[in-house]
């Protein structure tokens, strides 16, 4: 009764219908910004790792960067030079900022 091409068309139509239906939800841009803002305000801290490259004329310096942050602007930033393993730490705690 149903040919192979008819099944494919039915499946594709169902997929497109479901895609459009889920894409047309009531979650607006304002709702997304509101929820994101609320989540950011409730954050207590975060940790991240990155790689940084500094280009100064023809010299290139590569660093491993590690950042820890806690609420109330307390943080620790570690910059480690990949070439010579020299590490510099910036620290802000309740007593002040240290390098």
N, C-alpha and C. Protein backbone atom coordinates (compact mmCIF):
# COMPACT_ATOMS: atom_id res chain seq x y z
N UNK A 1 0.82 -1.19 0.00
CA UNK A 1 0.00 0.00 0.00
C UNK A 1 0.87 1.26 0.00
N UNK A 2 1.80 1.34 0.95
CA UNK A 2 2.69 2.50 1.02
C UNK A 2 3.99 2.16 0.32
N UNK A 3 4.35 2.95 -0.67
CA UNK A 3 5.62 2.76 -1.37
C UNK A 3 6.76 3.33 -0.53
N UNK A 4 7.97 2.96 -0.88
CA UNK A 4 9.15 3.42 -0.16
C UNK A 4 9.29 4.94 -0.22
N UNK A 5 9.04 5.52 -1.38
CA UNK A 5 9.15 6.98 -1.51
C UNK A 5 8.06 7.68 -0.71
N UNK A 6 6.89 7.08 -0.62
CA UNK A 6 5.79 7.66 0.15
C UNK A 6 6.13 7.67 1.64
N UNK A 7 6.78 6.63 2.12
CA UNK A 7 7.20 6.57 3.52
C UNK A 7 8.24 7.65 3.81
N UNK A 8 9.16 7.85 2.88
CA UNK A 8 10.19 8.88 3.07
C UNK A 8 9.56 10.27 3.12
N UNK A 9 8.61 10.52 2.25
CA UNK A 9 7.94 11.82 2.23
C UNK A 9 7.16 12.04 3.52
N UNK A 10 6.47 11.01 3.99
CA UNK A 10 5.72 11.11 5.24
C UNK A 10 6.65 11.36 6.42
N UNK A 11 7.76 10.65 6.47
CA UNK A 11 8.73 10.84 7.54
C UNK A 11 9.32 12.24 7.51
N UNK A 12 9.70 12.71 6.32
CA UNK A 12 10.26 14.05 6.16
C UNK A 12 9.25 15.11 6.56
N UNK A 13 8.00 14.94 6.17
CA UNK A 13 6.94 15.90 6.53
C UNK A 13 6.73 15.93 8.04
N UNK A 14 6.73 14.78 8.67
CA UNK A 14 6.58 14.71 10.13
C UNK A 14 7.75 15.38 10.82
N UNK A 15 8.96 15.15 10.33
CA UNK A 15 10.16 15.77 10.90
C UNK A 15 10.08 17.29 10.79
N UNK A 16 9.73 17.81 9.62
CA UNK A 16 9.62 19.26 9.42
C UNK A 16 8.54 19.83 10.32
N UNK A 17 7.40 19.17 10.45
CA UNK A 17 6.32 19.63 11.31
C UNK A 17 6.76 19.71 12.76
N UNK A 18 7.45 18.69 13.24
CA UNK A 18 7.93 18.70 14.62
C UNK A 18 8.98 19.78 14.83
N UNK A 19 9.85 19.99 13.84
CA UNK A 19 10.88 21.03 13.93
C UNK A 19 10.23 22.40 14.03
N UNK A 20 9.25 22.68 13.20
CA UNK A 20 8.56 23.97 13.22
C UNK A 20 7.78 24.12 14.53
N UNK A 21 7.15 23.06 14.98
CA UNK A 21 6.37 23.12 16.21
C UNK A 21 7.24 23.42 17.41
N UNK A 22 8.40 22.79 17.52
CA UNK A 22 9.27 23.07 18.65
C UNK A 22 9.95 24.42 18.52
N UNK A 23 10.19 24.87 17.31
CA UNK A 23 10.82 26.16 17.09
C UNK A 23 9.89 27.33 17.36
N UNK A 24 8.62 27.08 17.41
CA UNK A 24 7.65 28.15 17.61
C UNK A 24 7.10 28.14 19.03
N UNK A 25 7.91 27.76 19.99
CA UNK A 25 7.48 27.73 21.38
C UNK A 25 7.27 29.12 21.93
N UNK A 26 6.80 29.20 23.15
CA UNK A 26 6.51 30.50 23.75
C UNK A 26 7.72 31.13 24.42
N UNK A 27 8.89 30.52 24.30
CA UNK A 27 10.11 31.00 24.94
C UNK A 27 10.71 32.10 24.06
N UNK A 28 10.54 33.35 24.45
CA UNK A 28 10.98 34.47 23.62
C UNK A 28 12.41 34.88 23.97
N UNK A 29 12.93 35.82 23.20
CA UNK A 29 14.27 36.34 23.44
C UNK A 29 14.36 37.00 24.81
N UNK A 30 13.32 37.71 25.21
CA UNK A 30 13.29 38.37 26.52
C UNK A 30 13.35 37.33 27.64
N UNK A 31 12.66 36.21 27.45
CA UNK A 31 12.68 35.14 28.45
C UNK A 31 14.08 34.55 28.59
N UNK A 32 14.74 34.37 27.47
CA UNK A 32 16.10 33.82 27.49
C UNK A 32 17.05 34.76 28.21
N UNK A 33 16.98 36.07 27.89
CA UNK A 33 17.86 37.06 28.54
C UNK A 33 17.55 37.13 30.02
N UNK A 34 16.29 37.08 30.39
CA UNK A 34 15.89 37.14 31.80
C UNK A 34 16.44 35.94 32.57
N UNK A 35 16.30 34.74 32.01
CA UNK A 35 16.82 33.54 32.68
C UNK A 35 18.33 33.56 32.76
N UNK A 36 18.99 34.00 31.70
CA UNK A 36 20.45 34.08 31.71
C UNK A 36 20.94 35.08 32.75
N UNK A 37 20.30 36.23 32.82
CA UNK A 37 20.67 37.24 33.81
C UNK A 37 20.48 36.70 35.22
N UNK A 38 19.39 36.01 35.46
CA UNK A 38 19.13 35.42 36.78
C UNK A 38 20.20 34.40 37.14
N UNK A 39 20.58 33.56 36.18
CA UNK A 39 21.62 32.56 36.43
C UNK A 39 22.96 33.21 36.72
N UNK A 40 23.29 34.27 36.01
CA UNK A 40 24.56 34.96 36.23
C UNK A 40 24.58 35.62 37.60
N UNK A 41 23.46 36.22 38.01
CA UNK A 41 23.40 36.86 39.32
C UNK A 41 23.52 35.86 40.45
N UNK A 42 23.07 34.63 40.23
CA UNK A 42 23.11 33.60 41.27
C UNK A 42 24.40 32.79 41.28
N UNK A 43 25.30 33.06 40.36
CA UNK A 43 26.54 32.28 40.28
C UNK A 43 27.43 32.60 41.49
N UNK A 44 28.01 31.57 42.04
CA UNK A 44 28.88 31.74 43.22
C UNK A 44 30.35 31.71 42.83
N UNK A 45 30.67 31.16 41.67
CA UNK A 45 32.05 31.10 41.24
C UNK A 45 32.18 30.30 39.96
N UNK A 46 33.38 30.33 39.41
CA UNK A 46 33.65 29.54 38.23
C UNK A 46 35.15 29.25 38.13
N UNK A 47 35.50 28.31 37.27
CA UNK A 47 36.88 27.95 36.99
C UNK A 47 37.02 27.79 35.49
N UNK A 48 38.10 28.31 34.94
CA UNK A 48 38.32 28.13 33.51
C UNK A 48 39.79 27.96 33.22
N UNK A 49 40.07 27.28 32.12
CA UNK A 49 41.42 27.10 31.63
C UNK A 49 41.43 27.55 30.17
N UNK A 50 42.51 28.22 29.78
CA UNK A 50 42.61 28.71 28.42
C UNK A 50 44.07 28.75 27.99
N UNK A 51 44.26 28.99 26.72
CA UNK A 51 45.59 29.18 26.17
C UNK A 51 45.61 30.58 25.56
N UNK A 52 46.65 31.35 25.88
CA UNK A 52 46.76 32.72 25.42
C UNK A 52 48.04 32.86 24.61
N UNK A 53 47.94 33.61 23.54
CA UNK A 53 49.08 33.87 22.69
C UNK A 53 49.26 35.38 22.59
N UNK A 54 50.46 35.87 22.92
CA UNK A 54 50.77 37.28 22.83
C UNK A 54 51.80 37.47 21.72
N UNK A 55 51.49 38.35 20.79
CA UNK A 55 52.40 38.63 19.69
C UNK A 55 52.94 40.04 19.89
N UNK A 56 54.27 40.13 20.02
CA UNK A 56 54.95 41.40 20.22
C UNK A 56 56.00 41.52 19.12
N UNK A 57 55.70 42.35 18.11
CA UNK A 57 56.52 42.45 16.90
C UNK A 57 56.65 41.07 16.28
N UNK A 58 57.82 40.48 16.27
CA UNK A 58 57.98 39.15 15.68
C UNK A 58 58.08 38.05 16.74
N UNK A 59 57.99 38.41 18.00
CA UNK A 59 58.05 37.43 19.08
C UNK A 59 56.64 36.95 19.44
N UNK A 60 56.52 35.66 19.67
CA UNK A 60 55.25 35.07 20.06
C UNK A 60 55.44 34.39 21.41
N UNK A 61 54.59 34.74 22.36
CA UNK A 61 54.64 34.16 23.70
C UNK A 61 53.34 33.40 23.93
N UNK A 62 53.47 32.16 24.38
CA UNK A 62 52.30 31.33 24.64
C UNK A 62 52.21 31.04 26.13
N UNK A 63 51.00 31.16 26.66
CA UNK A 63 50.75 30.96 28.09
C UNK A 63 49.58 30.02 28.30
N UNK A 64 49.68 29.22 29.35
CA UNK A 64 48.53 28.49 29.88
C UNK A 64 47.91 29.38 30.95
N UNK A 65 46.62 29.58 30.87
CA UNK A 65 45.92 30.47 31.80
C UNK A 65 44.91 29.66 32.58
N UNK A 66 44.90 29.83 33.91
CA UNK A 66 43.91 29.20 34.78
C UNK A 66 43.31 30.28 35.66
N UNK A 67 41.99 30.33 35.69
CA UNK A 67 41.29 31.37 36.46
C UNK A 67 40.28 30.70 37.38
N UNK A 68 40.32 31.09 38.65
CA UNK A 68 39.30 30.69 39.63
C UNK A 68 38.66 31.97 40.15
N UNK A 69 37.34 31.99 40.21
CA UNK A 69 36.62 33.17 40.66
C UNK A 69 35.58 32.76 41.69
N UNK A 70 35.48 33.54 42.75
CA UNK A 70 34.43 33.36 43.75
C UNK A 70 33.68 34.67 43.90
N UNK A 71 32.42 34.56 44.30
CA UNK A 71 31.59 35.73 44.52
C UNK A 71 32.32 36.74 45.41
N UNK A 72 31.96 37.99 45.31
CA UNK A 72 32.58 39.11 46.03
C UNK A 72 33.94 39.47 45.43
N UNK A 73 34.13 39.18 44.14
CA UNK A 73 35.35 39.55 43.41
C UNK A 73 36.64 38.97 43.99
N UNK A 74 36.59 37.77 44.45
CA UNK A 74 37.78 37.06 44.89
C UNK A 74 38.23 36.17 43.73
N UNK A 75 39.53 36.24 43.38
CA UNK A 75 39.98 35.47 42.23
C UNK A 75 41.44 35.06 42.36
N UNK A 76 41.82 34.10 41.51
CA UNK A 76 43.20 33.65 41.36
C UNK A 76 43.42 33.40 39.88
N UNK A 77 44.42 34.07 39.31
CA UNK A 77 44.76 33.92 37.90
C UNK A 77 46.19 33.44 37.81
N UNK A 78 46.40 32.34 37.12
CA UNK A 78 47.74 31.79 36.92
C UNK A 78 48.10 31.89 35.45
N UNK A 79 49.25 32.52 35.17
CA UNK A 79 49.77 32.63 33.81
C UNK A 79 51.09 31.88 33.76
N UNK A 80 51.15 30.81 32.98
CA UNK A 80 52.36 30.00 32.92
C UNK A 80 52.91 30.01 31.49
N UNK A 81 54.14 30.51 31.36
CA UNK A 81 54.80 30.59 30.06
C UNK A 81 55.13 29.17 29.59
N UNK A 82 54.69 28.82 28.40
CA UNK A 82 54.91 27.46 27.89
C UNK A 82 56.38 27.20 27.55
N UNK A 83 57.11 28.23 27.17
CA UNK A 83 58.50 28.05 26.75
C UNK A 83 59.43 27.75 27.91
N UNK A 84 59.28 28.49 29.02
CA UNK A 84 60.23 28.32 30.12
C UNK A 84 59.57 27.93 31.45
N UNK A 85 58.29 27.65 31.43
CA UNK A 85 57.52 27.24 32.62
C UNK A 85 57.51 28.28 33.73
N UNK A 86 57.83 29.53 33.42
CA UNK A 86 57.75 30.60 34.41
C UNK A 86 56.27 30.90 34.67
N UNK A 87 55.90 30.94 35.95
CA UNK A 87 54.50 31.14 36.31
C UNK A 87 54.34 32.42 37.12
N UNK A 88 53.31 33.16 36.79
CA UNK A 88 52.96 34.36 37.55
C UNK A 88 51.52 34.21 38.02
N UNK A 89 51.29 34.58 39.28
CA UNK A 89 49.96 34.42 39.87
C UNK A 89 49.45 35.78 40.35
N UNK A 90 48.23 36.08 39.96
CA UNK A 90 47.53 37.26 40.47
C UNK A 90 46.46 36.74 41.41
N UNK A 91 46.44 37.26 42.62
CA UNK A 91 45.53 36.76 43.64
C UNK A 91 44.82 37.93 44.30
N UNK A 92 43.52 37.82 44.40
CA UNK A 92 42.76 38.80 45.17
C UNK A 92 41.94 38.03 46.19
N UNK A 93 42.25 38.29 47.45
CA UNK A 93 41.48 37.69 48.53
C UNK A 93 40.95 38.82 49.41
N UNK A 94 40.45 38.49 50.58
CA UNK A 94 39.87 39.51 51.45
C UNK A 94 40.91 40.48 51.99
N UNK A 95 42.19 40.11 51.94
CA UNK A 95 43.25 40.99 52.44
C UNK A 95 43.77 41.95 51.37
N UNK A 96 43.56 41.68 50.09
CA UNK A 96 44.03 42.56 49.05
C UNK A 96 44.40 41.83 47.78
N UNK A 97 45.17 42.50 46.93
CA UNK A 97 45.60 41.94 45.65
C UNK A 97 47.10 41.69 45.71
N UNK A 98 47.53 40.52 45.26
CA UNK A 98 48.93 40.16 45.29
C UNK A 98 49.36 39.65 43.92
N UNK A 99 50.62 39.91 43.56
CA UNK A 99 51.20 39.41 42.30
C UNK A 99 52.36 38.52 42.64
